[in-house]
Amino acid sequence: GRVQLAGFCMFEACVGVFWPSIMRMRAQYFARGVALHHHELLPRAS
């Protein structure tokens, strides 16, 4: 019930913060060609 819903919402909030942060850091620290190569190594969200 409520515990599962709270856990799900917390998980979704963490994932929602994680991916934009990773993309921002990747753009900041990697050159364009290197970033494209590393993006292929990251797991894709489906």
PDB file of N, CA and C in Angstrom:
ATOM      1  N   GLY A   1       0.791  -1.174   0.000  1.00  0.00           N
ATOM      2  CA  GLY A   1       0.000   0.000   0.000  1.00  0.00           C
ATOM      3  C   GLY A   1       0.849   1.261   0.000  1.00  0.00           C
ATOM      4  N   ARG A   2       0.765   1.951   1.098  1.00  0.00           N
ATOM      5  CA  ARG A   2       1.405   3.269   1.191  1.00  0.00           C
ATOM      6  C   ARG A   2       2.923   3.185   1.199  1.00  0.00           C
ATOM      7  N   VAL A   3       3.468   2.137   1.820  1.00  0.00           N
ATOM      8  CA  VAL A   3       4.932   1.996   1.869  1.00  0.00           C
ATOM      9  C   VAL A   3       5.482   1.770   0.461  1.00  0.00           C
ATOM     10  N   GLN A   4       4.810   0.926  -0.315  1.00  0.00           N
ATOM     11  CA  GLN A   4       5.244   0.681  -1.686  1.00  0.00           C
ATOM     12  C   GLN A   4       5.136   1.952  -2.523  1.00  0.00           C
ATOM     13  N   LEU A   5       4.049   2.701  -2.343  1.00  0.00           N
ATOM     14  CA  LEU A   5       3.865   3.947  -3.082  1.00  0.00           C
ATOM     15  C   LEU A   5       4.946   4.959  -2.710  1.00  0.00           C
ATOM     16  N   ALA A   6       5.248   5.081  -1.425  1.00  0.00           N
ATOM     17  CA  ALA A   6       6.294   6.009  -0.978  1.00  0.00           C
ATOM     18  C   ALA A   6       7.654   5.585  -1.525  1.00  0.00           C
ATOM     19  N   GLY A   7       7.939   4.283  -1.489  1.00  0.00           N
ATOM     20  CA  GLY A   7       9.198   3.783  -2.038  1.00  0.00           C
ATOM     21  C   GLY A   7       9.303   4.030  -3.530  1.00  0.00           C
ATOM     22  N   PHE A   8       8.210   3.808  -4.235  1.00  0.00           N
ATOM     23  CA  PHE A   8       8.198   4.049  -5.676  1.00  0.00           C
ATOM     24  C   PHE A   8       8.430   5.527  -5.987  1.00  0.00           C
ATOM     25  N   CYS A   9       7.764   6.404  -5.251  1.00  0.00           N
ATOM     26  CA  CYS A   9       7.933   7.849  -5.478  1.00  0.00           C
ATOM     27  C   CYS A   9       9.359   8.291  -5.170  1.00  0.00           C
ATOM     28  N   MET A  10       9.952   7.741  -4.115  1.00  0.00           N
ATOM     29  CA  MET A  10      11.333   8.088  -3.776  1.00  0.00           C
ATOM     30  C   MET A  10      12.288   7.590  -4.869  1.00  0.00           C
ATOM     31  N   PHE A  11      12.073   6.384  -5.340  1.00  0.00           N
ATOM     32  CA  PHE A  11      12.895   5.841  -6.420  1.00  0.00           C
ATOM     33  C   PHE A  11      12.795   6.705  -7.675  1.00  0.00           C
ATOM     34  N   GLU A  12      11.588   7.065  -8.059  1.00  0.00           N
ATOM     35  CA  GLU A  12      11.389   7.888  -9.255  1.00  0.00           C
ATOM     36  C   GLU A  12      12.025   9.263  -9.091  1.00  0.00           C
ATOM     37  N   ALA A  13      11.975   9.830  -7.898  1.00  0.00           N
ATOM     38  CA  ALA A  13      12.613  11.128  -7.654  1.00  0.00           C
ATOM     39  C   ALA A  13      14.126  11.012  -7.800  1.00  0.00           C
ATOM     40  N   CYS A  14      14.709   9.935  -7.275  1.00  0.00           N
ATOM     41  CA  CYS A  14      16.161   9.737  -7.389  1.00  0.00           C
ATOM     42  C   CYS A  14      16.572   9.550  -8.839  1.00  0.00           C
ATOM     43  N   VAL A  15      15.841   8.748  -9.584  1.00  0.00           N
ATOM     44  CA  VAL A  15      16.152   8.532 -10.995  1.00  0.00           C
ATOM     45  C   VAL A  15      15.958   9.834 -11.775  1.00  0.00           C
ATOM     46  N   GLY A  16      14.942  10.589 -11.433  1.00  0.00           N
ATOM     47  CA  GLY A  16      14.674  11.859 -12.102  1.00  0.00           C
ATOM     48  C   GLY A  16      15.770  12.884 -11.877  1.00  0.00           C
ATOM     49  N   VAL A  17      16.464  12.805 -10.753  1.00  0.00           N
ATOM     50  CA  VAL A  17      17.585  13.707 -10.469  1.00  0.00           C
ATOM     51  C   VAL A  17      18.873  13.144 -11.049  1.00  0.00           C
ATOM     52  N   PHE A  18      19.035  11.823 -11.016  1.00  0.00           N
ATOM     53  CA  PHE A  18      20.284  11.181 -11.421  1.00  0.00           C
ATOM     54  C   PHE A  18      20.614  11.408 -12.891  1.00  0.00           C
ATOM     55  N   TRP A  19      19.698  11.084 -13.794  1.00  0.00           N
ATOM     56  CA  TRP A  19      20.014  11.148 -15.225  1.00  0.00           C
ATOM     57  C   TRP A  19      20.327  12.554 -15.718  1.00  0.00           C
ATOM     58  N   PRO A  20      19.529  13.584 -15.378  1.00  0.00           N
ATOM     59  CA  PRO A  20      19.917  14.934 -15.819  1.00  0.00           C
ATOM     60  C   PRO A  20      21.266  15.371 -15.249  1.00  0.00           C
ATOM     61  N   SER A  21      21.567  14.963 -14.015  1.00  0.00           N
ATOM     62  CA  SER A  21      22.862  15.307 -13.415  1.00  0.00           C
ATOM     63  C   SER A  21      24.002  14.640 -14.167  1.00  0.00           C
ATOM     64  N   ILE A  22      23.849  13.376 -14.510  1.00  0.00           N
ATOM     65  CA  ILE A  22      24.882  12.661 -15.259  1.00  0.00           C
ATOM     66  C   ILE A  22      25.087  13.303 -16.627  1.00  0.00           C
ATOM     67  N   MET A  23      24.008  13.651 -17.303  1.00  0.00           N
ATOM     68  CA  MET A  23      24.125  14.260 -18.628  1.00  0.00           C
ATOM     69  C   MET A  23      24.809  15.626 -18.543  1.00  0.00           C
ATOM     70  N   ARG A  24      24.493  16.401 -17.509  1.00  0.00           N
ATOM     71  CA  ARG A  24      25.118  17.711 -17.346  1.00  0.00           C
ATOM     72  C   ARG A  24      26.608  17.570 -17.068  1.00  0.00           C
ATOM     73  N   MET A  25      26.980  16.647 -16.182  1.00  0.00           N
ATOM     74  CA  MET A  25      28.399  16.445 -15.872  1.00  0.00           C
ATOM     75  C   MET A  25      29.139  15.903 -17.091  1.00  0.00           C
ATOM     76  N   ARG A  26      28.516  15.011 -17.824  1.00  0.00           N
ATOM     77  CA  ARG A  26      29.143  14.460 -19.021  1.00  0.00           C
ATOM     78  C   ARG A  26      29.429  15.571 -20.027  1.00  0.00           C
ATOM     79  N   ALA A  27      28.473  16.462 -20.224  1.00  0.00           N
ATOM     80  CA  ALA A  27      28.665  17.567 -21.162  1.00  0.00           C
ATOM     81  C   ALA A  27      29.754  18.519 -20.677  1.00  0.00           C
ATOM     82  N   GLN A  28      29.877  18.660 -19.367  1.00  0.00           N
ATOM     83  CA  GLN A  28      30.861  19.585 -18.808  1.00  0.00           C
ATOM     84  C   GLN A  28      32.275  19.023 -18.880  1.00  0.00           C
ATOM     85  N   TYR A  29      32.460  17.739 -18.621  1.00  0.00           N
ATOM     86  CA  TYR A  29      33.795  17.173 -18.461  1.00  0.00           C
ATOM     87  C   TYR A  29      34.338  16.429 -19.675  1.00  0.00           C
ATOM     88  N   PHE A  30      33.495  16.058 -20.616  1.00  0.00           N
ATOM     89  CA  PHE A  30      33.954  15.299 -21.770  1.00  0.00           C
ATOM     90  C   PHE A  30      33.801  16.118 -23.037  1.00  0.00           C
ATOM     91  N   ALA A  31      34.743  15.927 -23.948  1.00  0.00           N
ATOM     92  CA  ALA A  31      34.622  16.542 -25.270  1.00  0.00           C
ATOM     93  C   ALA A  31      33.464  15.875 -26.007  1.00  0.00           C
ATOM     94  N   ARG A  32      32.993  16.497 -27.056  1.00  0.00           N
ATOM     95  CA  ARG A  32      31.819  15.985 -27.776  1.00  0.00           C
ATOM     96  C   ARG A  32      32.005  14.548 -28.265  1.00  0.00           C
ATOM     97  N   GLY A  33      33.104  14.232 -28.907  1.00  0.00           N
ATOM     98  CA  GLY A  33      33.328  12.885 -29.423  1.00  0.00           C
ATOM     99  C   GLY A  33      33.452  11.854 -28.324  1.00  0.00           C
ATOM    100  N   VAL A  34      34.123  12.216 -27.248  1.00  0.00           N
ATOM    101  CA  VAL A  34      34.287  11.293 -26.124  1.00  0.00           C
ATOM    102  C   VAL A  34      32.946  11.060 -25.451  1.00  0.00           C
ATOM    103  N   ALA A  35      32.143  12.108 -25.318  1.00  0.00           N
ATOM    104  CA  ALA A  35      30.834  11.977 -24.677  1.00  0.00           C
ATOM    105  C   ALA A  35      29.940  11.028 -25.464  1.00  0.00           C
ATOM    106  N   LEU A  36      29.982  11.106 -26.781  1.00  0.00           N
ATOM    107  CA  LEU A  36      29.164  10.200 -27.583  1.00  0.00           C
ATOM    108  C   LEU A  36      29.594   8.752 -27.383  1.00  0.00           C
ATOM    109  N   HIS A  37      30.895   8.521 -27.295  1.00  0.00           N
ATOM    110  CA  HIS A  37      31.395   7.167 -27.074  1.00  0.00           C
ATOM    111  C   HIS A  37      30.963   6.650 -25.705  1.00  0.00           C
ATOM    112  N   HIS A  38      31.064   7.473 -24.668  1.00  0.00           N
ATOM    113  CA  HIS A  38      30.697   7.038 -23.320  1.00  0.00           C
ATOM    114  C   HIS A  38      29.194   6.830 -23.192  1.00  0.00           C
ATOM    115  N   HIS A  39      28.410   7.586 -23.939  1.00  0.00           N
ATOM    116  CA  HIS A  39      26.961   7.425 -23.880  1.00  0.00           C
ATOM    117  C   HIS A  39      26.546   6.029 -24.340  1.00  0.00           C
ATOM    118  N   GLU A  40      27.291   5.463 -25.264  1.00  0.00           N
ATOM    119  CA  GLU A  40      26.982   4.115 -25.740  1.00  0.00           C
ATOM    120  C   GLU A  40      27.224   3.073 -24.650  1.00  0.00           C
ATOM    121  N   LEU A  41      28.077   3.390 -23.671  1.00  0.00           N
ATOM    122  CA  LEU A  41      28.388   2.441 -22.605  1.00  0.00           C
ATOM    123  C   LEU A  41      27.381   2.499 -21.463  1.00  0.00           C
ATOM    124  N   LEU A  42      26.628   3.602 -21.369  1.00  0.00           N
ATOM    125  CA  LEU A  42      25.663   3.749 -20.285  1.00  0.00           C
ATOM    126  C   LEU A  42      24.433   2.885 -20.560  1.00  0.00           C
ATOM    127  N   PRO A  43      23.843   2.344 -19.512  1.00  0.00           N
ATOM    128  CA  PRO A  43      22.600   1.585 -19.717  1.00  0.00           C
ATOM    129  C   PRO A  43      21.483   2.530 -20.149  1.00  0.00           C
ATOM    130  N   ARG A  44      20.638   2.069 -21.014  1.00  0.00           N
ATOM    131  CA  ARG A  44      19.543   2.903 -21.503  1.00  0.00           C
ATOM    132  C   ARG A  44      18.286   2.626 -20.698  1.00  0.00           C
ATOM    133  N   ALA A  45      17.598   3.711 -20.335  1.00  0.00           N
ATOM    134  CA  ALA A  45      16.317   3.564 -19.645  1.00  0.00           C
ATOM    135  C   ALA A  45      15.255   3.214 -20.684  1.00  0.00           C
ATOM    136  N   SER A  46      14.435   2.232 -20.372  1.00  0.00           N
ATOM    137  CA  SER A  46      13.405   1.859 -21.336  1.00  0.00           C
ATOM    138  C   SER A  46      12.026   2.039 -20.764  1.00  0.00           C
TER     139      SER A  46
END
